Amino acid sequence: LNGKPFKLLGANRHDDHPDWGSALPPHIIRGDVEILVRMGANAVRTHYPTDEMFMDYCDENGLAFMAEVPAWQYSSQQMANPRVQGKIKTQFREMVERDMNHPCVLSWSLGNEWPEFEKSYPVIKALLEYARQVDSSHFLTFVTGGAKIGEASGLIDIISTNWAQYQWYDPFTCLDPEEAKKSIAALNKIHEAFPEKPVILTEFGGAESQAGWHNWGNVKWSEEYQGRNVADSGKYGLLQDWISGGCVWQFCDTRSTPSRFLSGRLHGWNAKGVVDSYRAPKMAFYELQRLFHDYQGRGTQVLQSRSEAPAEQDKAAGH
């Protein structure tokens, strides 16, 4: 970036809040950017076009923005449907037309976690060709799950993968944090196949925790468990020299779509945030802050305690 090496250190963010839903007011949007900056992040990723105000704050604070079309987990059968292809093209064009003049935009993604993307090579090739006709001035990618690669991976500018070997969706399994060290082998295969391409861990981490609950053992749902997960996945994955960066999954706790996973989730929420739904920091926040700041050679900054989180201050002030 500007002639200097740039390692992307970021977080995935959803537009969500217990009091406001997805219609976030300005003070929450501004507060989220302030927390990201304090955390030491230099980037953020979303799964759909977000409020332009958030992008304005990213512009002002120097946060690189990874934009994405909301085409999530489409099967090869869905990808072969001309109507689906048309929707992806329309959403991509509208996203680019609205956001391309924001200096924060680093890349465009055509979709996330297509489980059978290897079978959809002709479709993906055509979509990428269309996307480059719309805008060839930004990096272009699509995101795979589980550190997977295929023939289509050679067509994109950045290989983006969600490091699913280190995700915690099973409500009954408590994995050893050292699992991250073992699963680095899957990432090494990507580098061996495409040594000339930048690789970004678009999602890493992924352990859930009950905000405020502590247990120093390797116990699921504790803040310590999540904190070790984030620290180890960062150390063994993100900080590899050949990894161009990554975004923790995820910024804040969010509502979860009712599904078969719901019964295994705390209160029916996705509690993988490094801050809770009201933006109070968990232990994982400080682990990530230490990771980011140490890499950048900066001192750490302490965020307010749980009772002093930005959103709580705004509520107390009647905002």
Foldseek 3Di string as FASTA:
>chain_A
DVPDAAFFAAFEDAQQFPVQGNNDDPLVLLQLLVLRVQLLGQEYEYLADHDVSNLVSCLVSRRAYEHEHNPEQDELVLLPDVVSLVVLLVRLLVSCVVPVPRPNYAEYASEEANPPVQSNQVSLVVSVVSNVVSPVPHFYYYEHECLDDHPNCVVGQEHEYANVQLADLDLVDQDDLCSLLVSCVSVVVVCVVCVPHAYENAEAQHAFADAPAADCDSDGRHLNVSQSNLLSNCVNPQPDPRHRYYHYHHAEKHADDDDPSQVSDDVNIRRSHCAYSLRAGGSNSVSSSCSSCVVVVHDRDDADHRCPRSSNVCVVVVD
